[in-house]
Amino acid sequence: MNQRVLDVFTELGFAVELPPGTVLTQSPPLGILYLKIKATPPAVLRLEPATDLLMGFGYSVWPADPGDKKQRARLGVRGPCTYQASSRTDAGRSPATASMQELMMAVLAKVTGGDCLLDGDDRCVSGDVALEKAKAGLMHFGKFNFDAYARRFDSWPPAREGEPFTWPAEILPPPIPQAVPVPEKKRFSLLRGYKLSWLELPGLLLVLFFLVVTLIYS
């Protein structure tokens, strides 16, 4: 099944690799499914088009319970199934990782003829429908760089807990240039910098009155 999943990604314009030994019908040892993204569709914007990317998200698989018919019916599952798979979400994931996570679950549903419950939905849809929805989410990357905040691929993370691993750096977008503030035009004032007291105010008004009268009758 691994190759059929990767073939669908190829049809979508992606070049994706799985870690050695990965079996998509089994939960990964640490509960995380890693992907190496080697290429993306031409319409997808990239900061570093030639850079391989490392992405990962929670993933688990378990045999379906044949007696759990009520829950499957409530979720809109069309018939019995052999396996169930789920993927956890991570608030700190990059936008690209979120899209690849959704895309992977949709592709799995399409390849296996299963149903998929997408994030935010309350009922399952077929793999074909889920894939179309996931593809629509990729349209965002026609305006936003796919690899922004994603990690460069250096090597596969370890499959066993406790082994040392240094996460590669994220690809950071260039800072948005700040608008240069326009200095406020200074207005000419005879009284700039001069503080008036209440005793001087009537005298000033009298001077201004005679000045206005002089201008009118001159």
N, C-alpha and C. Protein backbone atom coordinates (compact mmCIF):
# COMPACT_ATOMS: atom_id res chain seq x y z
N MET A 1 0.83 -1.21 0.00
CA MET A 1 0.00 0.00 0.00
C MET A 1 0.86 1.26 0.00
N ASN A 2 2.05 1.16 0.58
CA ASN A 2 2.93 2.34 0.63
C ASN A 2 3.12 2.95 -0.75
N GLN A 3 3.41 2.09 -1.73
CA GLN A 3 3.71 2.60 -3.06
C GLN A 3 2.49 3.22 -3.72
N ARG A 4 1.33 2.66 -3.47
CA ARG A 4 0.11 3.25 -4.05
C ARG A 4 -0.15 4.64 -3.49
N VAL A 5 0.12 4.83 -2.20
CA VAL A 5 -0.04 6.14 -1.58
C VAL A 5 0.95 7.13 -2.19
N LEU A 6 2.20 6.71 -2.33
CA LEU A 6 3.22 7.60 -2.90
C LEU A 6 2.91 7.93 -4.36
N ASP A 7 2.31 6.97 -5.07
CA ASP A 7 1.95 7.22 -6.47
C ASP A 7 0.89 8.32 -6.58
N VAL A 8 -0.07 8.33 -5.65
CA VAL A 8 -1.09 9.39 -5.66
C VAL A 8 -0.43 10.74 -5.41
N PHE A 9 0.51 10.81 -4.48
CA PHE A 9 1.23 12.06 -4.25
C PHE A 9 1.95 12.50 -5.52
N THR A 10 2.53 11.56 -6.24
CA THR A 10 3.21 11.89 -7.49
C THR A 10 2.22 12.48 -8.50
N GLU A 11 1.03 11.90 -8.58
CA GLU A 11 0.00 12.43 -9.49
C GLU A 11 -0.39 13.85 -9.12
N LEU A 12 -0.28 14.18 -7.83
CA LEU A 12 -0.63 15.53 -7.37
C LEU A 12 0.51 16.53 -7.56
N GLY A 13 1.68 16.04 -8.00
CA GLY A 13 2.81 16.93 -8.23
C GLY A 13 3.84 16.92 -7.10
N PHE A 14 3.66 16.06 -6.10
CA PHE A 14 4.61 15.96 -5.00
C PHE A 14 5.55 14.79 -5.21
N ALA A 15 6.75 14.92 -4.68
CA ALA A 15 7.67 13.80 -4.55
C ALA A 15 7.89 13.58 -3.06
N VAL A 16 7.38 12.45 -2.55
CA VAL A 16 7.37 12.18 -1.12
C VAL A 16 8.06 10.86 -0.84
N GLU A 17 8.83 10.83 0.25
CA GLU A 17 9.45 9.59 0.72
C GLU A 17 9.03 9.32 2.15
N LEU A 18 8.95 8.03 2.49
CA LEU A 18 8.67 7.59 3.85
C LEU A 18 9.95 7.05 4.49
N PRO A 19 10.06 7.10 5.80
CA PRO A 19 11.25 6.54 6.45
C PRO A 19 11.39 5.05 6.14
N PRO A 20 12.62 4.54 6.04
CA PRO A 20 12.82 3.11 5.78
C PRO A 20 12.11 2.26 6.83
N GLY A 21 11.45 1.23 6.37
CA GLY A 21 10.75 0.32 7.28
C GLY A 21 9.34 0.74 7.64
N THR A 22 8.88 1.88 7.14
CA THR A 22 7.52 2.34 7.46
C THR A 22 6.48 1.45 6.78
N VAL A 23 5.48 1.06 7.54
CA VAL A 23 4.33 0.32 7.02
C VAL A 23 3.08 1.10 7.42
N LEU A 24 2.36 1.62 6.45
CA LEU A 24 1.25 2.51 6.74
C LEU A 24 0.07 1.83 7.41
N THR A 25 0.04 0.51 7.40
CA THR A 25 -1.03 -0.20 8.11
C THR A 25 -0.62 -0.53 9.55
N GLN A 26 0.50 0.04 10.00
CA GLN A 26 0.96 -0.14 11.38
C GLN A 26 1.32 1.21 11.98
N SER A 27 1.13 1.34 13.28
CA SER A 27 1.52 2.58 13.96
C SER A 27 3.04 2.69 13.99
N PRO A 28 3.60 3.87 13.73
CA PRO A 28 5.04 4.06 13.88
C PRO A 28 5.47 3.82 15.32
N PRO A 29 6.73 3.44 15.55
CA PRO A 29 7.19 3.13 16.91
C PRO A 29 6.93 4.23 17.92
N LEU A 30 7.13 5.48 17.53
CA LEU A 30 6.93 6.59 18.46
C LEU A 30 5.62 7.33 18.20
N GLY A 31 4.78 6.76 17.35
CA GLY A 31 3.48 7.38 17.09
C GLY A 31 3.54 8.59 16.19
N ILE A 32 4.65 8.77 15.46
CA ILE A 32 4.79 9.92 14.57
C ILE A 32 5.15 9.42 13.17
N LEU A 33 4.41 9.87 12.19
CA LEU A 33 4.69 9.54 10.81
C LEU A 33 5.49 10.69 10.18
N TYR A 34 6.69 10.39 9.71
CA TYR A 34 7.55 11.40 9.11
C TYR A 34 7.49 11.31 7.59
N LEU A 35 7.61 12.44 6.95
CA LEU A 35 7.65 12.54 5.49
C LEU A 35 8.85 13.36 5.06
N LYS A 36 9.46 12.95 3.97
CA LYS A 36 10.44 13.81 3.31
C LYS A 36 9.79 14.35 2.04
N ILE A 37 9.67 15.66 1.95
CA ILE A 37 9.09 16.31 0.78
C ILE A 37 10.22 16.74 -0.13
N LYS A 38 10.36 16.05 -1.27
CA LYS A 38 11.47 16.34 -2.18
C LYS A 38 11.08 17.30 -3.29
N ALA A 39 9.81 17.39 -3.60
CA ALA A 39 9.34 18.31 -4.65
C ALA A 39 7.88 18.62 -4.41
N THR A 40 7.46 19.78 -4.88
CA THR A 40 6.08 20.23 -4.74
C THR A 40 5.54 20.66 -6.10
N PRO A 41 4.22 20.78 -6.26
CA PRO A 41 3.66 21.19 -7.54
C PRO A 41 4.19 22.57 -7.97
N PRO A 42 4.27 22.81 -9.27
CA PRO A 42 4.81 24.09 -9.77
C PRO A 42 4.04 25.31 -9.26
N ALA A 43 2.74 25.18 -9.03
CA ALA A 43 1.94 26.33 -8.60
C ALA A 43 2.17 26.69 -7.14
N VAL A 44 2.87 25.84 -6.39
CA VAL A 44 3.10 26.07 -4.98
C VAL A 44 4.33 26.96 -4.81
N LEU A 45 4.18 28.07 -4.11
CA LEU A 45 5.29 28.99 -3.88
C LEU A 45 6.28 28.39 -2.88
N ARG A 46 7.58 28.61 -3.15
CA ARG A 46 8.62 28.11 -2.26
C ARG A 46 9.69 29.18 -2.05
N LEU A 47 10.22 29.25 -0.83
CA LEU A 47 11.38 30.10 -0.55
C LEU A 47 12.66 29.41 -1.01
N GLU A 48 12.71 28.09 -0.83
CA GLU A 48 13.88 27.29 -1.20
C GLU A 48 13.41 26.09 -2.01
N PRO A 49 13.15 26.27 -3.31
CA PRO A 49 12.55 25.20 -4.11
C PRO A 49 13.39 23.92 -4.18
N ALA A 50 14.69 24.03 -4.05
CA ALA A 50 15.56 22.85 -4.19
C ALA A 50 15.81 22.15 -2.86
N THR A 51 15.25 22.63 -1.78
CA THR A 51 15.51 22.07 -0.45
C THR A 51 14.48 21.00 -0.10
N ASP A 52 14.99 19.83 0.37
CA ASP A 52 14.09 18.79 0.89
C ASP A 52 13.58 19.21 2.27
N LEU A 53 12.33 18.87 2.55
CA LEU A 53 11.70 19.27 3.80
C LEU A 53 11.37 18.05 4.66
N LEU A 54 11.46 18.21 5.98
CA LEU A 54 11.09 17.17 6.93
C LEU A 54 9.80 17.58 7.63
N MET A 55 8.81 16.70 7.57
CA MET A 55 7.54 16.96 8.25
C MET A 55 7.11 15.73 9.02
N GLY A 56 6.40 15.94 10.11
CA GLY A 56 5.93 14.82 10.90
C GLY A 56 4.67 15.18 11.66
N PHE A 57 3.84 14.17 11.89
CA PHE A 57 2.59 14.38 12.64
C PHE A 57 2.19 13.06 13.28
N GLY A 58 1.35 13.16 14.31
CA GLY A 58 0.89 11.97 15.01
C GLY A 58 0.11 11.05 14.10
N TYR A 59 0.36 9.73 14.24
CA TYR A 59 -0.29 8.76 13.36
C TYR A 59 -0.38 7.42 14.09
N SER A 60 -1.56 6.84 14.10
CA SER A 60 -1.73 5.53 14.73
C SER A 60 -2.76 4.72 13.96
N VAL A 61 -2.57 3.40 13.95
CA VAL A 61 -3.45 2.47 13.23
C VAL A 61 -3.79 1.32 14.16
N TRP A 62 -5.04 0.87 14.12
CA TRP A 62 -5.44 -0.27 14.93
C TRP A 62 -6.56 -1.03 14.19
N PRO A 63 -6.70 -2.32 14.47
CA PRO A 63 -7.78 -3.10 13.82
C PRO A 63 -9.14 -2.56 14.23
N ALA A 64 -10.04 -2.49 13.28
CA ALA A 64 -11.39 -2.00 13.56
C ALA A 64 -12.16 -3.01 14.40
N ASP A 65 -13.02 -2.50 15.24
CA ASP A 65 -13.86 -3.34 16.09
C ASP A 65 -15.14 -3.68 15.31
N PRO A 66 -15.33 -4.95 14.94
CA PRO A 66 -16.51 -5.30 14.14
C PRO A 66 -17.83 -4.98 14.85
N GLY A 67 -17.80 -4.93 16.17
CA GLY A 67 -19.03 -4.68 16.90
C GLY A 67 -19.35 -3.22 17.10
N ASP A 68 -18.47 -2.35 16.62
CA ASP A 68 -18.66 -0.91 16.84
C ASP A 68 -19.45 -0.30 15.67
N LYS A 69 -20.59 -0.87 15.38
CA LYS A 69 -21.36 -0.43 14.22
C LYS A 69 -22.06 0.90 14.47
N LYS A 70 -22.50 1.14 15.72
CA LYS A 70 -23.25 2.37 16.01
C LYS A 70 -22.38 3.61 15.82
N GLN A 71 -21.13 3.54 16.29
CA GLN A 71 -20.26 4.70 16.14
C GLN A 71 -19.93 4.95 14.68
N ARG A 72 -19.70 3.89 13.93
CA ARG A 72 -19.41 4.06 12.50
C ARG A 72 -20.60 4.67 11.78
N ALA A 73 -21.79 4.22 12.14
CA ALA A 73 -23.00 4.78 11.52
C ALA A 73 -23.18 6.24 11.90
N ARG A 74 -22.88 6.57 13.16
CA ARG A 74 -23.02 7.97 13.60
C ARG A 74 -22.05 8.88 12.85
N LEU A 75 -20.87 8.37 12.54
CA LEU A 75 -19.87 9.18 11.83
C LEU A 75 -20.06 9.15 10.31
N GLY A 76 -20.99 8.33 9.83
CA GLY A 76 -21.25 8.30 8.39
C GLY A 76 -20.39 7.33 7.63
N VAL A 77 -19.76 6.37 8.31
CA VAL A 77 -18.96 5.36 7.62
C VAL A 77 -19.90 4.47 6.82
N ARG A 78 -19.56 4.23 5.57
CA ARG A 78 -20.49 3.57 4.67
C ARG A 78 -20.59 2.06 4.87
N GLY A 79 -19.58 1.44 5.44
CA GLY A 79 -19.64 -0.01 5.59
C GLY A 79 -18.58 -0.49 6.56
N PRO A 80 -18.43 -1.81 6.70
CA PRO A 80 -17.41 -2.35 7.61
C PRO A 80 -16.01 -2.02 7.11
N CYS A 81 -15.05 -1.98 8.04
CA CYS A 81 -13.67 -1.68 7.67
C CYS A 81 -12.74 -2.61 8.44
N THR A 82 -11.52 -2.74 7.92
CA THR A 82 -10.54 -3.64 8.52
C THR A 82 -9.66 -2.90 9.53
N TYR A 83 -9.25 -1.68 9.14
CA TYR A 83 -8.39 -0.89 10.00
C TYR A 83 -8.98 0.51 10.19
N GLN A 84 -8.59 1.12 11.29
CA GLN A 84 -8.89 2.53 11.52
C GLN A 84 -7.56 3.25 11.77
N ALA A 85 -7.46 4.45 11.24
CA ALA A 85 -6.25 5.25 11.42
C ALA A 85 -6.65 6.64 11.87
N SER A 86 -5.83 7.23 12.71
CA SER A 86 -6.09 8.59 13.16
C SER A 86 -4.79 9.38 13.15
N SER A 87 -4.94 10.68 13.09
CA SER A 87 -3.77 11.56 13.09
C SER A 87 -4.04 12.71 14.04
N ARG A 88 -3.16 12.90 15.00
CA ARG A 88 -3.31 14.00 15.96
C ARG A 88 -2.88 15.31 15.32
N THR A 89 -3.44 16.39 15.82
CA THR A 89 -3.04 17.72 15.37
C THR A 89 -2.05 18.31 16.37
N ASP A 90 -1.25 19.22 15.89
CA ASP A 90 -0.24 19.88 16.71
C ASP A 90 -0.35 21.37 16.48
N ALA A 91 -0.56 22.12 17.56
CA ALA A 91 -0.73 23.57 17.43
C ALA A 91 0.52 24.24 16.90
N GLY A 92 1.69 23.63 17.08
CA GLY A 92 2.92 24.28 16.65
C GLY A 92 3.38 23.88 15.26
N ARG A 93 2.57 23.16 14.53
CA ARG A 93 3.00 22.69 13.21
C ARG A 93 3.02 23.84 12.21
N SER A 94 3.82 23.69 11.17
CA SER A 94 3.85 24.69 10.11
C SER A 94 2.60 24.55 9.25
N PRO A 95 2.22 25.60 8.52
CA PRO A 95 1.05 25.48 7.63
C PRO A 95 1.19 24.34 6.63
N ALA A 96 2.40 24.11 6.12
CA ALA A 96 2.61 23.03 5.16
C ALA A 96 2.40 21.67 5.80
N THR A 97 2.87 21.50 7.05
CA THR A 97 2.69 20.23 7.74
C THR A 97 1.21 19.94 7.94
N ALA A 98 0.44 20.96 8.28
CA ALA A 98 -1.01 20.79 8.45
C ALA A 98 -1.64 20.31 7.15
N SER A 99 -1.23 20.88 6.03
CA SER A 99 -1.80 20.48 4.74
C SER A 99 -1.38 19.07 4.35
N MET A 100 -0.11 18.72 4.59
CA MET A 100 0.36 17.38 4.25
C MET A 100 -0.28 16.33 5.15
N GLN A 101 -0.56 16.68 6.39
CA GLN A 101 -1.24 15.77 7.30
C GLN A 101 -2.64 15.45 6.78
N GLU A 102 -3.37 16.50 6.41
CA GLU A 102 -4.72 16.30 5.88
C GLU A 102 -4.67 15.54 4.56
N LEU A 103 -3.69 15.88 3.73
CA LEU A 103 -3.56 15.24 2.42
C LEU A 103 -3.24 13.75 2.58
N MET A 104 -2.36 13.41 3.51
CA MET A 104 -2.01 12.01 3.74
C MET A 104 -3.22 11.18 4.15
N MET A 105 -4.03 11.70 5.08
CA MET A 105 -5.20 10.94 5.54
C MET A 105 -6.22 10.80 4.41
N ALA A 106 -6.35 11.83 3.58
CA ALA A 106 -7.28 11.75 2.45
C ALA A 106 -6.80 10.74 1.41
N VAL A 107 -5.50 10.75 1.14
CA VAL A 107 -4.92 9.80 0.18
C VAL A 107 -5.09 8.37 0.68
N LEU A 108 -4.86 8.15 1.97
CA LEU A 108 -5.06 6.81 2.54
C LEU A 108 -6.49 6.33 2.34
N ALA A 109 -7.46 7.24 2.59
CA ALA A 109 -8.86 6.87 2.41
C ALA A 109 -9.17 6.55 0.95
N LYS A 110 -8.58 7.32 0.04
CA LYS A 110 -8.83 7.08 -1.39
C LYS A 110 -8.25 5.74 -1.82
N VAL A 111 -7.01 5.47 -1.43
CA VAL A 111 -6.32 4.26 -1.87
C VAL A 111 -6.99 3.01 -1.32
N THR A 112 -7.49 3.08 -0.09
CA THR A 112 -8.08 1.90 0.54
C THR A 112 -9.58 1.79 0.32
N GLY A 113 -10.17 2.80 -0.34
CA GLY A 113 -11.61 2.78 -0.53
C GLY A 113 -12.37 3.05 0.75
N GLY A 114 -11.71 3.75 1.68
CA GLY A 114 -12.33 4.01 2.98
C GLY A 114 -12.95 5.38 3.06
N ASP A 115 -13.33 5.75 4.27
CA ASP A 115 -13.93 7.05 4.54
C ASP A 115 -12.98 7.86 5.42
N CYS A 116 -13.15 9.17 5.41
CA CYS A 116 -12.24 10.05 6.12
C CYS A 116 -13.03 11.14 6.84
N LEU A 117 -12.71 11.32 8.12
CA LEU A 117 -13.32 12.40 8.91
C LEU A 117 -12.31 13.54 8.98
N LEU A 118 -12.55 14.59 8.23
CA LEU A 118 -11.62 15.71 8.17
C LEU A 118 -11.79 16.61 9.38
N ASP A 119 -10.74 17.33 9.71
CA ASP A 119 -10.77 18.24 10.84
C ASP A 119 -11.86 19.30 10.63
N GLY A 120 -12.74 19.43 11.62
CA GLY A 120 -13.82 20.41 11.53
C GLY A 120 -15.13 19.82 11.06
N ASP A 121 -15.11 18.61 10.47
CA ASP A 121 -16.34 17.96 10.02
C ASP A 121 -16.90 17.08 11.13
N ASP A 122 -18.20 16.81 11.06
CA ASP A 122 -18.82 15.92 12.04
C ASP A 122 -19.23 14.59 11.43
N ARG A 123 -19.06 14.45 10.11
CA ARG A 123 -19.37 13.19 9.44
C ARG A 123 -18.29 12.87 8.42
N CYS A 124 -18.08 11.59 8.20
CA CYS A 124 -17.06 11.14 7.26
C CYS A 124 -17.49 11.41 5.81
N VAL A 125 -16.49 11.52 4.96
CA VAL A 125 -16.73 11.61 3.52
C VAL A 125 -15.88 10.54 2.85
N SER A 126 -16.17 10.26 1.61
CA SER A 126 -15.38 9.26 0.89
C SER A 126 -13.96 9.78 0.65
N GLY A 127 -13.07 8.86 0.34
CA GLY A 127 -11.68 9.25 0.08
C GLY A 127 -11.57 10.23 -1.08
N ASP A 128 -12.39 10.05 -2.11
CA ASP A 128 -12.34 10.96 -3.26
C ASP A 128 -12.75 12.37 -2.85
N VAL A 129 -13.81 12.49 -2.05
CA VAL A 129 -14.26 13.81 -1.60
C VAL A 129 -13.22 14.43 -0.67
N ALA A 130 -12.67 13.62 0.24
CA ALA A 130 -11.66 14.13 1.17
C ALA A 130 -10.45 14.63 0.43
N LEU A 131 -10.06 13.93 -0.63
CA LEU A 131 -8.88 14.35 -1.39
C LEU A 131 -9.13 15.67 -2.10
N GLU A 132 -10.33 15.86 -2.64
CA GLU A 132 -10.65 17.13 -3.30
C GLU A 132 -10.61 18.28 -2.30
N LYS A 133 -11.11 18.04 -1.09
CA LYS A 133 -11.06 19.08 -0.06
C LYS A 133 -9.61 19.39 0.33
N ALA A 134 -8.81 18.36 0.48
CA ALA A 134 -7.42 18.57 0.85
C ALA A 134 -6.65 19.30 -0.26
N LYS A 135 -6.95 18.99 -1.50
CA LYS A 135 -6.32 19.68 -2.62
C LYS A 135 -6.71 21.15 -2.65
N ALA A 136 -7.96 21.44 -2.31
CA ALA A 136 -8.42 22.84 -2.27
C ALA A 136 -7.64 23.61 -1.22
N GLY A 137 -7.26 22.95 -0.13
CA GLY A 137 -6.47 23.62 0.90
C GLY A 137 -5.09 24.02 0.43
N LEU A 138 -4.60 23.36 -0.61
CA LEU A 138 -3.27 23.69 -1.14
C LEU A 138 -3.29 25.00 -1.92
N MET A 139 -4.46 25.47 -2.31
CA MET A 139 -4.54 26.72 -3.07
C MET A 139 -3.99 27.89 -2.26
N HIS A 140 -3.98 27.75 -0.95
CA HIS A 140 -3.42 28.79 -0.07
C HIS A 140 -1.97 29.08 -0.41
N PHE A 141 -1.26 28.04 -0.91
CA PHE A 141 0.17 28.19 -1.17
C PHE A 141 0.47 28.79 -2.54
N GLY A 142 -0.56 29.30 -3.19
CA GLY A 142 -0.32 30.13 -4.36
C GLY A 142 -0.01 31.56 -3.96
N LYS A 143 -0.25 31.89 -2.66
CA LYS A 143 0.04 33.23 -2.16
C LYS A 143 0.99 33.21 -0.97
N PHE A 144 1.10 32.05 -0.31
CA PHE A 144 1.92 31.93 0.89
C PHE A 144 2.93 30.82 0.66
N ASN A 145 4.20 31.05 0.99
CA ASN A 145 5.25 30.08 0.72
C ASN A 145 5.03 28.77 1.49
N PHE A 146 5.06 27.66 0.76
CA PHE A 146 4.82 26.34 1.33
C PHE A 146 5.85 26.00 2.39
N ASP A 147 7.10 26.37 2.17
CA ASP A 147 8.16 25.97 3.10
C ASP A 147 8.42 26.98 4.21
N ALA A 148 7.62 28.03 4.30
CA ALA A 148 7.79 28.98 5.40
C ALA A 148 7.51 28.28 6.73
N TYR A 149 8.48 28.34 7.64
CA TYR A 149 8.41 27.74 8.97
C TYR A 149 8.49 26.22 8.95
N ALA A 150 8.74 25.63 7.78
CA ALA A 150 8.98 24.19 7.71
C ALA A 150 10.47 23.93 7.99
N ARG A 151 10.79 22.67 8.29
CA ARG A 151 12.18 22.31 8.62
C ARG A 151 12.87 21.66 7.43
N ARG A 152 14.12 22.03 7.22
CA ARG A 152 14.92 21.39 6.19
C ARG A 152 15.20 19.94 6.58
N PHE A 153 15.33 19.09 5.58
CA PHE A 153 15.63 17.69 5.85
C PHE A 153 17.14 17.48 5.90
N ASP A 154 17.62 16.99 7.04
CA ASP A 154 19.03 16.60 7.16
C ASP A 154 19.15 15.08 7.27
N SER A 155 18.29 14.49 8.08
CA SER A 155 18.27 13.04 8.26
C SER A 155 16.95 12.65 8.91
N TRP A 156 16.65 11.36 8.88
CA TRP A 156 15.43 10.89 9.51
C TRP A 156 15.57 10.93 11.03
N PRO A 157 14.54 11.37 11.75
CA PRO A 157 14.57 11.27 13.21
C PRO A 157 14.67 9.81 13.64
N PRO A 158 15.20 9.55 14.83
CA PRO A 158 15.34 8.16 15.28
C PRO A 158 13.99 7.49 15.49
N ALA A 159 13.98 6.18 15.26
CA ALA A 159 12.74 5.41 15.44
C ALA A 159 12.55 4.97 16.88
N ARG A 160 13.60 5.07 17.69
CA ARG A 160 13.50 4.66 19.09
C ARG A 160 13.74 5.87 20.00
N GLU A 161 13.03 5.88 21.10
CA GLU A 161 13.12 6.98 22.05
C GLU A 161 14.47 6.97 22.75
N GLY A 162 14.99 8.16 23.00
CA GLY A 162 16.25 8.27 23.73
C GLY A 162 17.47 8.45 22.85
N GLU A 163 17.35 8.19 21.56
CA GLU A 163 18.49 8.38 20.67
C GLU A 163 18.66 9.87 20.38
N PRO A 164 19.91 10.34 20.33
CA PRO A 164 20.12 11.78 20.11
C PRO A 164 19.70 12.21 18.70
N PHE A 165 19.13 13.39 18.65
CA PHE A 165 18.72 13.94 17.35
C PHE A 165 18.62 15.45 17.48
N THR A 166 19.19 16.14 16.54
CA THR A 166 19.11 17.60 16.50
C THR A 166 18.18 18.00 15.37
N TRP A 167 17.10 18.67 15.72
CA TRP A 167 16.15 19.09 14.70
C TRP A 167 16.77 20.17 13.81
N PRO A 168 16.61 20.04 12.52
CA PRO A 168 17.14 21.08 11.62
C PRO A 168 16.39 22.39 11.80
N ALA A 169 17.01 23.45 11.35
CA ALA A 169 16.42 24.79 11.51
C ALA A 169 15.21 24.96 10.60
N GLU A 170 14.33 25.83 11.02
CA GLU A 170 13.18 26.19 10.20
C GLU A 170 13.59 27.15 9.10
N ILE A 171 12.84 27.13 8.03
CA ILE A 171 13.02 28.11 6.95
C ILE A 171 12.18 29.32 7.30
N LEU A 172 12.83 30.42 7.56
CA LEU A 172 12.11 31.62 7.99
C LEU A 172 11.91 32.56 6.81
N PRO A 173 10.71 33.07 6.63
CA PRO A 173 10.47 34.04 5.55
C PRO A 173 11.19 35.34 5.85
N PRO A 174 11.53 36.10 4.81
CA PRO A 174 12.18 37.40 5.07
C PRO A 174 11.23 38.32 5.81
N PRO A 175 11.78 39.18 6.65
CA PRO A 175 10.92 40.10 7.41
C PRO A 175 10.17 41.05 6.48
N ILE A 176 8.96 41.36 6.87
CA ILE A 176 8.15 42.30 6.09
C ILE A 176 8.68 43.71 6.34
N PRO A 177 9.06 44.41 5.28
CA PRO A 177 9.58 45.77 5.49
C PRO A 177 8.53 46.68 6.11
N GLN A 178 8.97 47.41 7.11
CA GLN A 178 8.07 48.33 7.80
C GLN A 178 7.94 49.64 7.03
N ALA A 179 6.76 50.18 7.00
CA ALA A 179 6.55 51.46 6.31
C ALA A 179 7.29 52.57 7.04
N VAL A 180 7.97 53.41 6.27
CA VAL A 180 8.71 54.53 6.85
C VAL A 180 7.71 55.60 7.27
N PRO A 181 7.70 55.97 8.54
CA PRO A 181 6.73 56.99 8.97
C PRO A 181 7.01 58.34 8.31
N VAL A 182 5.94 58.97 7.85
CA VAL A 182 6.05 60.29 7.21
C VAL A 182 6.06 61.35 8.31
N PRO A 183 7.12 62.15 8.37
CA PRO A 183 7.17 63.17 9.44
C PRO A 183 6.05 64.19 9.26
N GLU A 184 5.47 64.55 10.36
CA GLU A 184 4.38 65.52 10.33
C GLU A 184 4.92 66.90 9.94
N LYS A 185 4.22 67.52 9.02
CA LYS A 185 4.65 68.84 8.58
C LYS A 185 4.48 69.86 9.71
N LYS A 186 5.53 70.59 9.92
CA LYS A 186 5.48 71.62 10.98
C LYS A 186 4.77 72.87 10.48
N ARG A 187 3.88 73.33 11.26
CA ARG A 187 3.15 74.54 10.91
C ARG A 187 3.82 75.75 11.57
N PHE A 188 3.93 76.80 10.77
CA PHE A 188 4.56 78.01 11.29
C PHE A 188 3.64 78.68 12.32
N SER A 189 4.22 79.07 13.44
CA SER A 189 3.45 79.74 14.49
C SER A 189 4.32 80.77 15.17
N LEU A 190 3.77 81.95 15.31
CA LEU A 190 4.51 83.00 16.02
C LEU A 190 4.65 82.67 17.50
N LEU A 191 3.78 81.83 17.99
CA LEU A 191 3.75 81.56 19.42
C LEU A 191 4.41 80.23 19.78
N ARG A 192 5.11 79.53 18.79
CA ARG A 192 5.72 78.25 19.07
C ARG A 192 6.76 78.40 20.19
N GLY A 193 6.64 77.58 21.15
CA GLY A 193 7.62 77.59 22.24
C GLY A 193 7.36 78.64 23.30
N TYR A 194 6.30 79.44 23.13
CA TYR A 194 6.03 80.52 24.11
C TYR A 194 4.80 80.14 24.92
N LYS A 195 4.91 80.15 26.22
CA LYS A 195 3.80 79.81 27.10
C LYS A 195 3.13 81.09 27.60
N LEU A 196 1.82 81.10 27.44
CA LEU A 196 1.05 82.27 27.86
C LEU A 196 0.48 82.03 29.25
N SER A 197 0.42 83.14 30.00
CA SER A 197 -0.28 83.09 31.27
C SER A 197 -1.67 83.66 31.07
N TRP A 198 -2.57 83.41 32.01
CA TRP A 198 -3.93 83.94 31.90
C TRP A 198 -3.94 85.47 31.90
N LEU A 199 -2.96 86.11 32.51
CA LEU A 199 -2.92 87.57 32.53
C LEU A 199 -2.53 88.14 31.18
N GLU A 200 -1.76 87.36 30.40
CA GLU A 200 -1.32 87.86 29.09
C GLU A 200 -2.33 87.59 28.00
N LEU A 201 -3.28 86.68 28.22
CA LEU A 201 -4.21 86.30 27.17
C LEU A 201 -5.08 87.46 26.69
N PRO A 202 -5.68 88.32 27.56
CA PRO A 202 -6.49 89.46 27.04
C PRO A 202 -5.67 90.41 26.19
N GLY A 203 -4.41 90.63 26.57
CA GLY A 203 -3.58 91.53 25.78
C GLY A 203 -3.31 90.95 24.41
N LEU A 204 -3.08 89.64 24.33
CA LEU A 204 -2.84 89.01 23.03
C LEU A 204 -4.07 89.12 22.14
N LEU A 205 -5.24 88.88 22.70
CA LEU A 205 -6.46 88.97 21.91
C LEU A 205 -6.67 90.39 21.40
N LEU A 206 -6.33 91.39 22.20
CA LEU A 206 -6.47 92.78 21.77
C LEU A 206 -5.53 93.09 20.62
N VAL A 207 -4.29 92.55 20.70
CA VAL A 207 -3.32 92.77 19.61
C VAL A 207 -3.82 92.11 18.33
N LEU A 208 -4.36 90.89 18.45
CA LEU A 208 -4.87 90.19 17.27
C LEU A 208 -6.06 90.92 16.68
N PHE A 209 -6.89 91.54 17.52
CA PHE A 209 -8.04 92.28 17.04
C PHE A 209 -7.59 93.47 16.20
N PHE A 210 -6.62 94.23 16.71
CA PHE A 210 -6.14 95.39 15.95
C PHE A 210 -5.41 94.95 14.69
N LEU A 211 -4.75 93.77 14.75
CA LEU A 211 -4.06 93.27 13.55
C LEU A 211 -5.08 92.93 12.48
N VAL A 212 -6.18 92.27 12.85
CA VAL A 212 -7.21 91.92 11.88
C VAL A 212 -7.86 93.17 11.31
N VAL A 213 -8.16 94.15 12.17
CA VAL A 213 -8.76 95.39 11.70
C VAL A 213 -7.82 96.11 10.74
N THR A 214 -6.53 96.11 11.05
CA THR A 214 -5.56 96.77 10.17
C THR A 214 -5.51 96.09 8.82
N LEU A 215 -5.55 94.76 8.80
CA LEU A 215 -5.52 94.04 7.52
C LEU A 215 -6.77 94.29 6.70
N ILE A 216 -7.91 94.44 7.36
CA ILE A 216 -9.15 94.65 6.62
C ILE A 216 -9.18 96.04 6.00
N TYR A 217 -8.72 97.05 6.72
CA TYR A 217 -8.83 98.42 6.23
C TYR A 217 -7.56 98.91 5.53
N SER A 218 -6.59 98.07 5.39
CA SER A 218 -5.38 98.57 4.71
C SER A 218 -5.52 98.47 3.21
